[in-house]
Amino acid sequence: MLFGGIIDNTGKNPTIIAFSEVFEQAFGFSFNGIYDRQSELFKRKPYNLTKTLDALKVVLIKEYKKRQAETLKNKDEKR
């Protein structure tokens, strides 16, 4: 599944429903049938991705790298 590294309170990977509920509560919107949305997203071809998804991917990668750098910096400071 796409949730690598994310676990629920039982230590298992969360269901797509649980994951979507968190986003719905956090951002105040509804997916209205998350399985339909998920299948629509997976049906997309790589060359049909919207600019929004591409931009989101870039931002997420940038944030991930930033957090990795901060983690390394914090480890170095503790030494």
Protein backbone atom coordinates (compact mmCIF):
# COMPACT_ATOMS: atom_id res chain seq x y z
CA MET A 1 0.00 0.00 0.00
CA LEU A 2 1.06 3.61 -0.30
CA PHE A 3 1.26 4.19 3.45
CA GLY A 4 4.82 2.99 4.01
CA GLY A 5 5.90 3.81 7.55
CA ILE A 6 2.44 4.88 8.72
CA ILE A 7 0.81 2.70 11.35
CA ASP A 8 -2.41 2.94 13.35
CA ASN A 9 -2.81 2.53 17.10
CA THR A 10 -2.78 -1.27 16.73
CA GLY A 11 0.56 -1.22 14.92
CA LYS A 12 -0.90 -2.15 11.53
CA ASN A 13 -1.13 -0.21 8.28
CA PRO A 14 -4.27 1.98 8.32
CA THR A 15 -7.14 1.23 5.96
CA ILE A 16 -7.82 3.60 3.10
CA ILE A 17 -11.03 4.60 4.92
CA ALA A 18 -9.17 5.52 8.12
CA PHE A 19 -6.58 7.43 6.14
CA SER A 20 -9.23 9.36 4.18
CA GLU A 21 -11.15 10.22 7.37
CA VAL A 22 -8.04 11.88 8.78
CA PHE A 23 -7.69 14.03 5.66
CA GLU A 24 -11.41 14.84 5.67
CA GLN A 25 -11.23 16.03 9.27
CA ALA A 26 -7.93 17.86 8.85
CA PHE A 27 -8.83 19.72 5.67
CA GLY A 28 -12.62 19.94 5.99
CA PHE A 29 -13.70 18.17 2.81
CA SER A 30 -15.19 14.84 1.81
CA PHE A 31 -13.96 12.30 -0.69
CA ASN A 32 -17.53 11.00 -1.23
CA GLY A 33 -16.70 7.40 -1.97
CA ILE A 34 -12.98 7.02 -1.35
CA TYR A 35 -12.77 3.70 -3.21
CA ASP A 36 -14.17 5.34 -6.36
CA ARG A 37 -11.64 8.16 -6.05
CA GLN A 38 -8.83 5.71 -5.41
CA SER A 39 -9.65 3.64 -8.48
CA GLU A 40 -9.91 6.80 -10.60
CA LEU A 41 -6.49 7.89 -9.41
CA PHE A 42 -4.90 4.49 -10.09
CA LYS A 43 -6.43 4.37 -13.57
CA ARG A 44 -4.55 7.51 -14.57
CA LYS A 45 -1.61 7.11 -16.85
CA PRO A 46 1.69 8.68 -15.75
CA TYR A 47 1.48 11.14 -18.62
CA ASN A 48 -2.06 12.21 -17.62
CA LEU A 49 -1.20 13.40 -14.13
CA THR A 50 -2.43 16.87 -13.40
CA LYS A 51 -0.07 19.73 -12.69
CA THR A 52 -1.47 19.84 -9.16
CA LEU A 53 -0.38 16.27 -8.45
CA ASP A 54 3.04 16.93 -9.96
CA ALA A 55 3.42 20.07 -7.83
CA LEU A 56 2.31 18.17 -4.73
CA LYS A 57 4.88 15.46 -5.45
CA VAL A 58 7.65 18.05 -5.76
CA VAL A 59 6.64 19.74 -2.50
CA LEU A 60 6.43 16.43 -0.63
CA ILE A 61 9.86 15.35 -1.87
CA LYS A 62 11.34 18.72 -0.92
CA GLU A 63 9.82 18.52 2.57
CA TYR A 64 11.04 14.93 2.98
CA LYS A 65 14.60 15.94 2.07
CA LYS A 66 14.40 18.94 4.40
CA ARG A 67 13.33 16.74 7.31
CA GLN A 68 16.07 14.22 6.53
CA ALA A 69 18.64 17.01 6.60
CA GLU A 70 17.27 18.30 9.91
CA THR A 71 17.41 14.81 11.39
CA LEU A 72 21.03 14.38 10.31
CA LYS A 73 21.90 17.81 11.66
CA ASN A 74 20.29 17.00 15.02
CA LYS A 75 22.18 13.70 15.21
CA ASP A 76 25.46 15.48 14.47
CA GLU A 77 24.77 18.12 17.14
CA LYS A 78 24.15 15.42 19.75
CA ARG A 79 27.58 13.90 19.12
